[in-house]
PDB file of N, CA and C in Angstrom:
ATOM      1  N   UNK A   1      19.426  20.711  22.287  1.00  0.00           N
ATOM      2  CA  UNK A   1      18.902  20.995  21.294  1.00  0.00           C
ATOM      3  C   UNK A   1      17.393  21.305  21.502  1.00  0.00           C
ATOM      4  N   UNK A   2      17.076  22.371  21.081  1.00  0.00           N
ATOM      5  CA  UNK A   2      15.667  22.199  21.242  1.00  0.00           C
ATOM      6  C   UNK A   2      14.989  22.111  19.911  1.00  0.00           C
ATOM      7  N   UNK A   3      14.038  21.515  19.488  1.00  0.00           N
ATOM      8  CA  UNK A   3      13.685  21.630  18.321  1.00  0.00           C
ATOM      9  C   UNK A   3      12.228  21.063  18.821  1.00  0.00           C
ATOM     10  N   UNK A   4      11.690  20.886  17.327  1.00  0.00           N
ATOM     11  CA  UNK A   4       9.961  20.741  17.469  1.00  0.00           C
ATOM     12  C   UNK A   4       9.937  18.907  17.266  1.00  0.00           C
ATOM     13  N   UNK A   5       9.663  18.193  18.088  1.00  0.00           N
ATOM     14  CA  UNK A   5       9.518  17.310  17.955  1.00  0.00           C
ATOM     15  C   UNK A   5       7.785  16.518  17.532  1.00  0.00           C
ATOM     16  N   UNK A   6       7.801  15.159  16.773  1.00  0.00           N
ATOM     17  CA  UNK A   6       6.356  15.010  16.374  1.00  0.00           C
ATOM     18  C   UNK A   6       5.294  14.570  17.718  1.00  0.00           C
ATOM     19  N   UNK A   7       4.073  14.956  17.594  1.00  0.00           N
ATOM     20  CA  UNK A   7       3.279  14.365  19.081  1.00  0.00           C
ATOM     21  C   UNK A   7       3.146  13.299  19.455  1.00  0.00           C
ATOM     22  N   UNK A   8       3.095  12.072  18.426  1.00  0.00           N
ATOM     23  CA  UNK A   8       3.569  10.690  19.260  1.00  0.00           C
ATOM     24  C   UNK A   8       4.634  10.797  19.708  1.00  0.00           C
ATOM     25  N   UNK A   9       5.662  11.037  19.664  1.00  0.00           N
ATOM     26  CA  UNK A   9       7.023  10.975  20.229  1.00  0.00           C
ATOM     27  C   UNK A   9       7.278  11.402  21.675  1.00  0.00           C
ATOM     28  N   UNK A  10       6.080  12.574  21.696  1.00  0.00           N
ATOM     29  CA  UNK A  10       5.713  12.875  23.509  1.00  0.00           C
ATOM     30  C   UNK A  10       5.334  12.219  24.014  1.00  0.00           C
ATOM     31  N   UNK A  11       4.177  11.651  23.734  1.00  0.00           N
ATOM     32  CA  UNK A  11       3.825   9.929  24.100  1.00  0.00           C
ATOM     33  C   UNK A  11       4.525   8.883  24.217  1.00  0.00           C
ATOM     34  N   UNK A  12       4.822   8.718  23.701  1.00  0.00           N
ATOM     35  CA  UNK A  12       6.469   7.433  23.679  1.00  0.00           C
ATOM     36  C   UNK A  12       6.752   7.557  25.123  1.00  0.00           C
ATOM     37  N   UNK A  13       6.834   5.875  25.693  1.00  0.00           N
ATOM     38  CA  UNK A  13       7.625   5.883  27.011  1.00  0.00           C
ATOM     39  C   UNK A  13       9.072   5.813  26.419  1.00  0.00           C
ATOM     40  N   UNK A  14       9.417   5.712  25.181  1.00  0.00           N
ATOM     41  CA  UNK A  14      11.071   5.325  24.976  1.00  0.00           C
ATOM     42  C   UNK A  14      11.618   6.505  25.083  1.00  0.00           C
ATOM     43  N   UNK A  15      10.496   7.669  24.806  1.00  0.00           N
ATOM     44  CA  UNK A  15      11.154   9.344  24.001  1.00  0.00           C
ATOM     45  C   UNK A  15      10.991   9.587  25.493  1.00  0.00           C
ATOM     46  N   UNK A  16      10.194   9.176  26.335  1.00  0.00           N
ATOM     47  CA  UNK A  16       9.880   9.915  27.581  1.00  0.00           C
ATOM     48  C   UNK A  16      11.040   9.931  28.480  1.00  0.00           C
ATOM     49  N   UNK A  17      11.217   8.454  28.343  1.00  0.00           N
ATOM     50  CA  UNK A  17      12.546   7.925  29.488  1.00  0.00           C
ATOM     51  C   UNK A  17      14.020   8.600  28.629  1.00  0.00           C
ATOM     52  N   UNK A  18      13.724   9.024  27.927  1.00  0.00           N
ATOM     53  CA  UNK A  18      15.429   9.745  27.214  1.00  0.00           C
ATOM     54  C   UNK A  18      15.937   9.064  26.383  1.00  0.00           C
ATOM     55  N   UNK A  19      15.575   7.775  25.841  1.00  0.00           N
ATOM     56  CA  UNK A  19      16.446   6.787  25.092  1.00  0.00           C
ATOM     57  C   UNK A  19      16.219   7.135  23.269  1.00  0.00           C
ATOM     58  N   UNK A  20      15.326   8.052  23.458  1.00  0.00           N
ATOM     59  CA  UNK A  20      15.124   8.513  21.953  1.00  0.00           C
ATOM     60  C   UNK A  20      14.712   9.982  21.814  1.00  0.00           C
ATOM     61  N   UNK A  21      15.922  10.284  20.816  1.00  0.00           N
ATOM     62  CA  UNK A  21      15.545  11.730  19.791  1.00  0.00           C
ATOM     63  C   UNK A  21      14.597  12.193  19.962  1.00  0.00           C
ATOM     64  N   UNK A  22      13.710  11.344  19.312  1.00  0.00           N
ATOM     65  CA  UNK A  22      12.102  11.802  18.499  1.00  0.00           C
ATOM     66  C   UNK A  22      12.651  11.968  16.772  1.00  0.00           C
ATOM     67  N   UNK A  23      11.285  12.226  16.280  1.00  0.00           N
ATOM     68  CA  UNK A  23      11.299  12.355  15.362  1.00  0.00           C
ATOM     69  C   UNK A  23      11.255  13.961  15.210  1.00  0.00           C
ATOM     70  N   UNK A  24      11.635  14.392  14.012  1.00  0.00           N
ATOM     71  CA  UNK A  24      11.906  15.428  13.379  1.00  0.00           C
ATOM     72  C   UNK A  24       9.934  15.902  13.456  1.00  0.00           C
ATOM     73  N   UNK A  25       9.554  16.538  14.069  1.00  0.00           N
ATOM     74  CA  UNK A  25       8.264  17.326  13.292  1.00  0.00           C
ATOM     75  C   UNK A  25       8.218  18.032  12.326  1.00  0.00           C
ATOM     76  N   UNK A  26       7.264  17.206  11.409  1.00  0.00           N
ATOM     77  CA  UNK A  26       8.350  18.311   9.796  1.00  0.00           C
ATOM     78  C   UNK A  26       7.059  19.529   9.504  1.00  0.00           C
ATOM     79  N   UNK A  27       6.914  20.834   9.485  1.00  0.00           N
ATOM     80  CA  UNK A  27       6.993  22.189   9.241  1.00  0.00           C
ATOM     81  C   UNK A  27       6.099  22.157   8.033  1.00  0.00           C
ATOM     82  N   UNK A  28       4.697  22.181   8.168  1.00  0.00           N
ATOM     83  CA  UNK A  28       3.887  22.722   6.863  1.00  0.00           C
ATOM     84  C   UNK A  28       4.099  24.323   6.483  1.00  0.00           C
ATOM     85  N   UNK A  29       3.662  24.515   5.293  1.00  0.00           N
ATOM     86  CA  UNK A  29       3.477  25.769   4.886  1.00  0.00           C
ATOM     87  C   UNK A  29       2.569  26.769   6.046  1.00  0.00           C
ATOM     88  N   UNK A  30       1.459  26.190   6.026  1.00  0.00           N
ATOM     89  CA  UNK A  30       0.469  26.722   6.749  1.00  0.00           C
ATOM     90  C   UNK A  30       1.075  27.015   8.072  1.00  0.00           C
ATOM     91  N   UNK A  31       2.019  26.439   8.967  1.00  0.00           N
ATOM     92  CA  UNK A  31       2.469  26.616   9.795  1.00  0.00           C
ATOM     93  C   UNK A  31       3.603  27.574  10.225  1.00  0.00           C
ATOM     94  N   UNK A  32       4.069  28.046   9.020  1.00  0.00           N
ATOM     95  CA  UNK A  32       4.965  28.927   9.235  1.00  0.00           C
ATOM     96  C   UNK A  32       4.311  30.101   9.470  1.00  0.00           C
ATOM     97  N   UNK A  33       4.962  31.226  10.358  1.00  0.00           N
ATOM     98  CA  UNK A  33       4.351  32.324  10.219  1.00  0.00           C
ATOM     99  C   UNK A  33       4.610  33.420   9.314  1.00  0.00           C
ATOM    100  N   UNK A  34       3.337  34.251   8.736  1.00  0.00           N
ATOM    101  CA  UNK A  34       3.775  34.781   7.666  1.00  0.00           C
ATOM    102  C   UNK A  34       4.224  36.233   7.943  1.00  0.00           C
ATOM    103  N   UNK A  35       4.764  36.901   7.003  1.00  0.00           N
ATOM    104  CA  UNK A  35       5.583  38.467   7.663  1.00  0.00           C
ATOM    105  C   UNK A  35       4.180  38.999   6.789  1.00  0.00           C
ATOM    106  N   UNK A  36       4.458  39.814   7.562  1.00  0.00           N
ATOM    107  CA  UNK A  36       3.267  40.709   7.779  1.00  0.00           C
ATOM    108  C   UNK A  36       4.203  42.359   7.896  1.00  0.00           C
ATOM    109  N   UNK A  37       3.345  43.079   7.490  1.00  0.00           N
ATOM    110  CA  UNK A  37       3.766  44.695   7.611  1.00  0.00           C
ATOM    111  C   UNK A  37       4.334  45.131   8.501  1.00  0.00           C
ATOM    112  N   UNK A  38       3.595  44.835   9.576  1.00  0.00           N
ATOM    113  CA  UNK A  38       4.183  45.029  10.859  1.00  0.00           C
ATOM    114  C   UNK A  38       5.507  44.670  11.327  1.00  0.00           C
ATOM    115  N   UNK A  39       6.002  43.306  10.876  1.00  0.00           N
ATOM    116  CA  UNK A  39       7.226  42.968  10.356  1.00  0.00           C
ATOM    117  C   UNK A  39       8.129  43.629   9.924  1.00  0.00           C
ATOM    118  N   UNK A  40       8.326  44.071   9.412  1.00  0.00           N
ATOM    119  CA  UNK A  40       9.005  44.772   8.488  1.00  0.00           C
ATOM    120  C   UNK A  40       9.733  46.061   9.162  1.00  0.00           C
ATOM    121  N   UNK A  41      10.917  46.070   8.900  1.00  0.00           N
ATOM    122  CA  UNK A  41      10.951  47.338   9.872  1.00  0.00           C
ATOM    123  C   UNK A  41      11.308  48.577   8.263  1.00  0.00           C
ATOM    124  N   UNK A  42      10.392  50.096   8.856  1.00  0.00           N
ATOM    125  CA  UNK A  42      10.455  50.699   7.897  1.00  0.00           C
ATOM    126  C   UNK A  42      11.583  51.279   7.682  1.00  0.00           C
ATOM    127  N   UNK A  43      12.440  52.145   6.622  1.00  0.00           N
ATOM    128  CA  UNK A  43      13.185  52.444   6.463  1.00  0.00           C
ATOM    129  C   UNK A  43      13.758  52.747   4.545  1.00  0.00           C
ATOM    130  N   UNK A  44      14.857  53.072   4.362  1.00  0.00           N
ATOM    131  CA  UNK A  44      14.976  52.735   3.008  1.00  0.00           C
ATOM    132  C   UNK A  44      16.283  52.202   3.176  1.00  0.00           C
ATOM    133  N   UNK A  45      17.124  52.491   1.690  1.00  0.00           N
ATOM    134  CA  UNK A  45      18.142  51.091   1.395  1.00  0.00           C
ATOM    135  C   UNK A  45      19.399  51.398   2.323  1.00  0.00           C
ATOM    136  N   UNK A  46      19.832  52.294   2.873  1.00  0.00           N
ATOM    137  CA  UNK A  46      20.508  51.662   3.508  1.00  0.00           C
ATOM    138  C   UNK A  46      20.561  51.357   4.934  1.00  0.00           C
ATOM    139  N   UNK A  47      19.195  50.660   5.596  1.00  0.00           N
ATOM    140  CA  UNK A  47      18.978  49.682   6.194  1.00  0.00           C
ATOM    141  C   UNK A  47      19.230  48.261   6.180  1.00  0.00           C
ATOM    142  N   UNK A  48      19.552  48.432   4.683  1.00  0.00           N
ATOM    143  CA  UNK A  48      19.996  47.002   3.833  1.00  0.00           C
ATOM    144  C   UNK A  48      21.246  46.542   4.281  1.00  0.00           C
ATOM    145  N   UNK A  49      22.266  47.768   3.300  1.00  0.00           N
ATOM    146  CA  UNK A  49      23.359  47.752   2.990  1.00  0.00           C
ATOM    147  C   UNK A  49      24.274  48.772   4.269  1.00  0.00           C
ATOM    148  N   UNK A  50      25.428  48.171   4.807  1.00  0.00           N
ATOM    149  CA  UNK A  50      25.922  49.159   5.920  1.00  0.00           C
ATOM    150  C   UNK A  50      26.516  50.118   4.988  1.00  0.00           C
ATOM    151  N   UNK A  51      26.927  49.993   3.972  1.00  0.00           N
ATOM    152  CA  UNK A  51      27.940  50.993   3.411  1.00  0.00           C
ATOM    153  C   UNK A  51      27.240  52.280   3.385  1.00  0.00           C
ATOM    154  N   UNK A  52      25.573  51.998   2.792  1.00  0.00           N
ATOM    155  CA  UNK A  52      25.020  53.457   2.551  1.00  0.00           C
ATOM    156  C   UNK A  52      24.611  54.306   4.005  1.00  0.00           C
ATOM    157  N   UNK A  53      25.101  52.916   4.920  1.00  0.00           N
ATOM    158  CA  UNK A  53      24.407  53.744   6.394  1.00  0.00           C
ATOM    159  C   UNK A  53      25.461  54.241   7.137  1.00  0.00           C
ATOM    160  N   UNK A  54      26.740  54.575   6.340  1.00  0.00           N
ATOM    161  CA  UNK A  54      28.019  54.336   7.114  1.00  0.00           C
ATOM    162  C   UNK A  54      28.203  53.779   8.335  1.00  0.00           C
ATOM    163  N   UNK A  55      27.333  52.904   8.729  1.00  0.00           N
ATOM    164  CA  UNK A  55      28.072  51.924   9.516  1.00  0.00           C
ATOM    165  C   UNK A  55      29.239  50.977   9.396  1.00  0.00           C
ATOM    166  N   UNK A  56      29.821  50.567  10.184  1.00  0.00           N
ATOM    167  CA  UNK A  56      30.895  49.464  10.031  1.00  0.00           C
ATOM    168  C   UNK A  56      30.469  47.868  10.331  1.00  0.00           C
ATOM    169  N   UNK A  57      30.345  47.541   9.308  1.00  0.00           N
ATOM    170  CA  UNK A  57      29.821  45.901   9.402  1.00  0.00           C
ATOM    171  C   UNK A  57      31.087  44.947  10.103  1.00  0.00           C
ATOM    172  N   UNK A  58      30.735  44.020  10.126  1.00  0.00           N
ATOM    173  CA  UNK A  58      31.918  43.250  11.171  1.00  0.00           C
ATOM    174  C   UNK A  58      31.974  42.256  10.280  1.00  0.00           C
ATOM    175  N   UNK A  59      33.686  41.946  10.480  1.00  0.00           N
ATOM    176  CA  UNK A  59      34.554  41.616   9.751  1.00  0.00           C
ATOM    177  C   UNK A  59      34.317  39.643   9.429  1.00  0.00           C
ATOM    178  N   UNK A  60      34.303  39.586   8.364  1.00  0.00           N
ATOM    179  CA  UNK A  60      33.989  38.134   8.171  1.00  0.00           C
ATOM    180  C   UNK A  60      35.104  37.424   8.826  1.00  0.00           C
ATOM    181  N   UNK A  61      34.788  35.831   8.795  1.00  0.00           N
ATOM    182  CA  UNK A  61      35.471  34.969   9.853  1.00  0.00           C
ATOM    183  C   UNK A  61      37.025  34.984   8.920  1.00  0.00           C
ATOM    184  N   UNK A  62      37.996  34.718   9.259  1.00  0.00           N
ATOM    185  CA  UNK A  62      39.106  34.016   8.502  1.00  0.00           C
ATOM    186  C   UNK A  62      39.099  33.139   7.011  1.00  0.00           C
ATOM    187  N   UNK A  63      37.885  32.311   7.392  1.00  0.00           N
ATOM    188  CA  UNK A  63      38.081  30.785   6.561  1.00  0.00           C
ATOM    189  C   UNK A  63      37.529  31.784   5.180  1.00  0.00           C
ATOM    190  N   UNK A  64      36.767  32.700   4.846  1.00  0.00           N
ATOM    191  CA  UNK A  64      36.380  33.554   3.673  1.00  0.00           C
ATOM    192  C   UNK A  64      37.577  33.814   3.113  1.00  0.00           C
ATOM    193  N   UNK A  65      38.515  34.717   4.103  1.00  0.00           N
ATOM    194  CA  UNK A  65      39.561  34.902   3.205  1.00  0.00           C
ATOM    195  C   UNK A  65      40.462  34.326   2.891  1.00  0.00           C
ATOM    196  N   UNK A  66      40.625  32.668   3.636  1.00  0.00           N
ATOM    197  CA  UNK A  66      41.244  31.407   3.342  1.00  0.00           C
ATOM    198  C   UNK A  66      40.486  31.028   1.765  1.00  0.00           C
ATOM    199  N   UNK A  67      39.539  30.875   1.769  1.00  0.00           N
ATOM    200  CA  UNK A  67      38.611  30.588   0.442  1.00  0.00           C
ATOM    201  C   UNK A  67      39.018  31.660  -0.725  1.00  0.00           C
ATOM    202  N   UNK A  68      39.044  33.016  -0.473  1.00  0.00           N
ATOM    203  CA  UNK A  68      39.040  33.516  -1.603  1.00  0.00           C
ATOM    204  C   UNK A  68      40.488  33.308  -1.903  1.00  0.00           C
ATOM    205  N   UNK A  69      41.659  33.616  -1.093  1.00  0.00           N
ATOM    206  CA  UNK A  69      42.604  33.336  -1.650  1.00  0.00           C
ATOM    207  C   UNK A  69      43.042  31.723  -2.288  1.00  0.00           C
ATOM    208  N   UNK A  70      42.713  30.939  -1.760  1.00  0.00           N
ATOM    209  CA  UNK A  70      42.392  29.416  -2.594  1.00  0.00           C
ATOM    210  C   UNK A  70      41.772  29.891  -3.945  1.00  0.00           C
ATOM    211  N   UNK A  71      40.876  30.849  -3.901  1.00  0.00           N
ATOM    212  CA  UNK A  71      40.287  30.576  -6.030  1.00  0.00           C
ATOM    213  C   UNK A  71      40.959  31.923  -6.880  1.00  0.00           C
ATOM    214  N   UNK A  72      41.767  32.511  -5.644  1.00  0.00           N
ATOM    215  CA  UNK A  72      42.634  33.155  -6.391  1.00  0.00           C
ATOM    216  C   UNK A  72      43.463  33.139  -6.822  1.00  0.00           C
ATOM    217  N   UNK A  73      44.026  32.438  -6.488  1.00  0.00           N
ATOM    218  CA  UNK A  73      45.752  31.795  -6.596  1.00  0.00           C
ATOM    219  C   UNK A  73      46.027  31.800  -8.045  1.00  0.00           C
ATOM    220  N   UNK A  74      47.149  32.511  -8.783  1.00  0.00           N
ATOM    221  CA  UNK A  74      47.159  31.927  -9.846  1.00  0.00           C
ATOM    222  C   UNK A  74      46.185  32.359 -10.953  1.00  0.00           C
ATOM    223  N   UNK A  75      45.683  33.257 -10.511  1.00  0.00           N
ATOM    224  CA  UNK A  75      44.399  33.692 -11.374  1.00  0.00           C
ATOM    225  C   UNK A  75      45.131  35.763 -11.415  1.00  0.00           C
ATOM    226  N   UNK A  76      45.862  36.356 -10.851  1.00  0.00           N
ATOM    227  CA  UNK A  76      45.858  37.396 -10.227  1.00  0.00           C
ATOM    228  C   UNK A  76      45.698  38.206 -11.263  1.00  0.00           C
ATOM    229  N   UNK A  77      46.702  37.990 -12.198  1.00  0.00           N
ATOM    230  CA  UNK A  77      46.703  38.820 -13.819  1.00  0.00           C
ATOM    231  C   UNK A  77      45.155  39.062 -14.369  1.00  0.00           C
ATOM    232  N   UNK A  78      44.749  37.756 -14.766  1.00  0.00           N
ATOM    233  CA  UNK A  78      43.320  37.653 -15.177  1.00  0.00           C
ATOM    234  C   UNK A  78      42.121  38.124 -14.702  1.00  0.00           C
ATOM    235  N   UNK A  79      42.593  38.381 -13.331  1.00  0.00           N
ATOM    236  CA  UNK A  79      41.322  38.887 -11.990  1.00  0.00           C
ATOM    237  C   UNK A  79      41.086  40.909 -12.500  1.00  0.00           C
ATOM    238  N   UNK A  80      42.632  40.724 -12.200  1.00  0.00           N
ATOM    239  CA  UNK A  80      42.917  42.202 -12.422  1.00  0.00           C
ATOM    240  C   UNK A  80      42.571  42.940 -13.668  1.00  0.00           C
ATOM    241  N   UNK A  81      43.041  41.762 -15.518  1.00  0.00           N
ATOM    242  CA  UNK A  81      42.344  42.817 -16.672  1.00  0.00           C
ATOM    243  C   UNK A  81      41.228  42.438 -16.392  1.00  0.00           C
ATOM    244  N   UNK A  82      40.327  41.503 -15.864  1.00  0.00           N
ATOM    245  CA  UNK A  82      38.882  41.900 -15.770  1.00  0.00           C
ATOM    246  C   UNK A  82      38.603  42.938 -15.084  1.00  0.00           C
ATOM    247  N   UNK A  83      38.763  43.593 -14.298  1.00  0.00           N
ATOM    248  CA  UNK A  83      38.255  44.001 -13.516  1.00  0.00           C
ATOM    249  C   UNK A  83      38.769  45.336 -14.179  1.00  0.00           C
ATOM    250  N   UNK A  84      40.063  46.282 -15.068  1.00  0.00           N
ATOM    251  CA  UNK A  84      40.282  46.826 -15.273  1.00  0.00           C
ATOM    252  C   UNK A  84      39.459  46.953 -16.859  1.00  0.00           C
ATOM    253  N   UNK A  85      38.891  46.085 -17.374  1.00  0.00           N
ATOM    254  CA  UNK A  85      37.889  46.003 -18.498  1.00  0.00           C
ATOM    255  C   UNK A  85      36.412  46.616 -18.397  1.00  0.00           C
ATOM    256  N   UNK A  86      36.121  45.937 -16.924  1.00  0.00           N
ATOM    257  CA  UNK A  86      34.707  46.200 -16.470  1.00  0.00           C
ATOM    258  C   UNK A  86      34.421  47.764 -16.030  1.00  0.00           C
ATOM    259  N   UNK A  87      36.156  48.274 -15.207  1.00  0.00           N
ATOM    260  CA  UNK A  87      35.571  49.474 -15.308  1.00  0.00           C
ATOM    261  C   UNK A  87      35.856  50.567 -16.698  1.00  0.00           C
ATOM    262  N   UNK A  88      36.015  50.293 -16.899  1.00  0.00           N
ATOM    263  CA  UNK A  88      36.385  50.717 -18.573  1.00  0.00           C
ATOM    264  C   UNK A  88      34.822  50.911 -19.165  1.00  0.00           C
ATOM    265  N   UNK A  89      33.880  49.562 -19.497  1.00  0.00           N
ATOM    266  CA  UNK A  89      33.300  49.605 -19.800  1.00  0.00           C
ATOM    267  C   UNK A  89      32.079  50.757 -18.668  1.00  0.00           C
ATOM    268  N   UNK A  90      32.001  50.418 -17.335  1.00  0.00           N
ATOM    269  CA  UNK A  90      31.447  51.490 -17.052  1.00  0.00           C
ATOM    270  C   UNK A  90      31.351  52.282 -16.717  1.00  0.00           C
ATOM    271  N   UNK A  91      32.537  52.764 -17.330  1.00  0.00           N
ATOM    272  CA  UNK A  91      32.868  54.472 -17.303  1.00  0.00           C
ATOM    273  C   UNK A  91      32.147  55.173 -18.744  1.00  0.00           C
ATOM    274  N   UNK A  92      32.125  54.461 -19.780  1.00  0.00           N
ATOM    275  CA  UNK A  92      31.190  54.295 -21.294  1.00  0.00           C
ATOM    276  C   UNK A  92      30.143  54.615 -20.789  1.00  0.00           C
ATOM    277  N   UNK A  93      29.275  53.216 -19.892  1.00  0.00           N
ATOM    278  CA  UNK A  93      27.965  52.995 -19.443  1.00  0.00           C
ATOM    279  C   UNK A  93      27.198  54.844 -18.989  1.00  0.00           C
ATOM    280  N   UNK A  94      28.157  54.868 -18.098  1.00  0.00           N
ATOM    281  CA  UNK A  94      27.363  55.647 -17.533  1.00  0.00           C
ATOM    282  C   UNK A  94      27.790  57.453 -17.865  1.00  0.00           C
ATOM    283  N   UNK A  95      28.297  57.324 -19.103  1.00  0.00           N
ATOM    284  CA  UNK A  95      29.000  58.822 -20.204  1.00  0.00           C
ATOM    285  C   UNK A  95      27.389  59.080 -20.744  1.00  0.00           C
ATOM    286  N   UNK A  96      27.323  57.355 -21.510  1.00  0.00           N
ATOM    287  CA  UNK A  96      26.408  57.368 -22.110  1.00  0.00           C
ATOM    288  C   UNK A  96      24.638  57.592 -21.123  1.00  0.00           C
ATOM    289  N   UNK A  97      24.894  57.270 -20.192  1.00  0.00           N
ATOM    290  CA  UNK A  97      23.528  57.308 -19.458  1.00  0.00           C
ATOM    291  C   UNK A  97      23.728  58.806 -19.268  1.00  0.00           C
ATOM    292  N   UNK A  98      24.628  59.796 -18.425  1.00  0.00           N
ATOM    293  CA  UNK A  98      24.612  60.867 -18.213  1.00  0.00           C
ATOM    294  C   UNK A  98      24.091  61.673 -19.450  1.00  0.00           C
ATOM    295  N   UNK A  99      24.508  61.369 -20.381  1.00  0.00           N
ATOM    296  CA  UNK A  99      24.048  62.466 -21.682  1.00  0.00           C
ATOM    297  C   UNK A  99      22.829  61.861 -22.468  1.00  0.00           C
ATOM    298  N   UNK A 100      21.980  61.071 -21.905  1.00  0.00           N
ATOM    299  CA  UNK A 100      20.749  60.309 -22.555  1.00  0.00           C
ATOM    300  C   UNK A 100      19.425  60.488 -21.407  1.00  0.00           C
ATOM    301  N   UNK A 101      20.141  61.051 -20.156  1.00  0.00           N
ATOM    302  CA  UNK A 101      19.292  60.995 -19.175  1.00  0.00           C
ATOM    303  C   UNK A 101      18.099  62.232 -19.257  1.00  0.00           C
ATOM    304  N   UNK A 102      19.039  63.285 -19.675  1.00  0.00           N
ATOM    305  CA  UNK A 102      17.553  64.351 -19.826  1.00  0.00           C
ATOM    306  C   UNK A 102      16.760  63.542 -20.998  1.00  0.00           C
ATOM    307  N   UNK A 103      16.591  63.151 -22.193  1.00  0.00           N
ATOM    308  CA  UNK A 103      15.999  62.646 -23.127  1.00  0.00           C
ATOM    309  C   UNK A 103      15.223  61.324 -22.465  1.00  0.00           C
ATOM    310  N   UNK A 104      15.581  60.428 -21.861  1.00  0.00           N
ATOM    311  CA  UNK A 104      15.136  59.407 -21.186  1.00  0.00           C
ATOM    312  C   UNK A 104      13.938  59.703 -20.076  1.00  0.00           C
ATOM    313  N   UNK A 105      14.205  60.846 -19.009  1.00  0.00           N
ATOM    314  CA  UNK A 105      13.369  60.895 -17.808  1.00  0.00           C
ATOM    315  C   UNK A 105      11.855  61.623 -18.231  1.00  0.00           C
ATOM    316  N   UNK A 106      12.094  62.450 -19.502  1.00  0.00           N
ATOM    317  CA  UNK A 106      10.456  62.947 -19.817  1.00  0.00           C
ATOM    318  C   UNK A 106       9.931  61.692 -20.228  1.00  0.00           C
ATOM    319  N   UNK A 107      10.332  60.924 -20.526  1.00  0.00           N
ATOM    320  CA  UNK A 107       9.477  59.476 -21.541  1.00  0.00           C
ATOM    321  C   UNK A 107       8.742  58.947 -20.620  1.00  0.00           C
ATOM    322  N   UNK A 108       9.466  58.732 -18.992  1.00  0.00           N
ATOM    323  CA  UNK A 108       9.186  58.111 -18.605  1.00  0.00           C
ATOM    324  C   UNK A 108       7.812  58.104 -17.736  1.00  0.00           C
ATOM    325  N   UNK A 109       7.036  57.083 -17.175  1.00  0.00           N
ATOM    326  CA  UNK A 109       5.277  57.264 -16.687  1.00  0.00           C
ATOM    327  C   UNK A 109       5.341  56.346 -15.588  1.00  0.00           C
ATOM    328  N   UNK A 110       5.639  57.159 -14.335  1.00  0.00           N
ATOM    329  CA  UNK A 110       5.633  56.274 -13.752  1.00  0.00           C
ATOM    330  C   UNK A 110       4.471  55.748 -13.067  1.00  0.00           C
ATOM    331  N   UNK A 111       2.996  56.117 -13.289  1.00  0.00           N
ATOM    332  CA  UNK A 111       1.658  55.833 -13.146  1.00  0.00           C
ATOM    333  C   UNK A 111       1.237  54.667 -13.840  1.00  0.00           C
ATOM    334  N   UNK A 112       2.173  54.299 -14.995  1.00  0.00           N
ATOM    335  CA  UNK A 112       1.873  53.389 -15.247  1.00  0.00           C
ATOM    336  C   UNK A 112       2.916  51.867 -15.344  1.00  0.00           C
ATOM    337  N   UNK A 113       3.643  52.285 -14.655  1.00  0.00           N
ATOM    338  CA  UNK A 113       4.373  50.743 -13.728  1.00  0.00           C
ATOM    339  C   UNK A 113       3.701  50.264 -12.936  1.00  0.00           C
TER     340      UNK A 113
END
């Protein structure tokens, strides 16, 4: 296992003899490498969400399928009813946004944001 150990451990004869695994070195906030602009890949939202980019994401391990099955067994009807209600609310809200869009957008002043 590759991990940082305390500098004291590196000088310790017990550690050097392999009889001690050492004390993990505590990382201070100042030791963390700051994220700079050059480290951040430029792009759009599709670089984060594979569904927008057209890329296929790797399937999750079977343990996630088993977990989902464990959490939903016995609640199938309630889940379906809740989903159907959500879809209906979203239809209404989408229509509301579409009708109000023309009156809302001219009022937005992005320079103030």
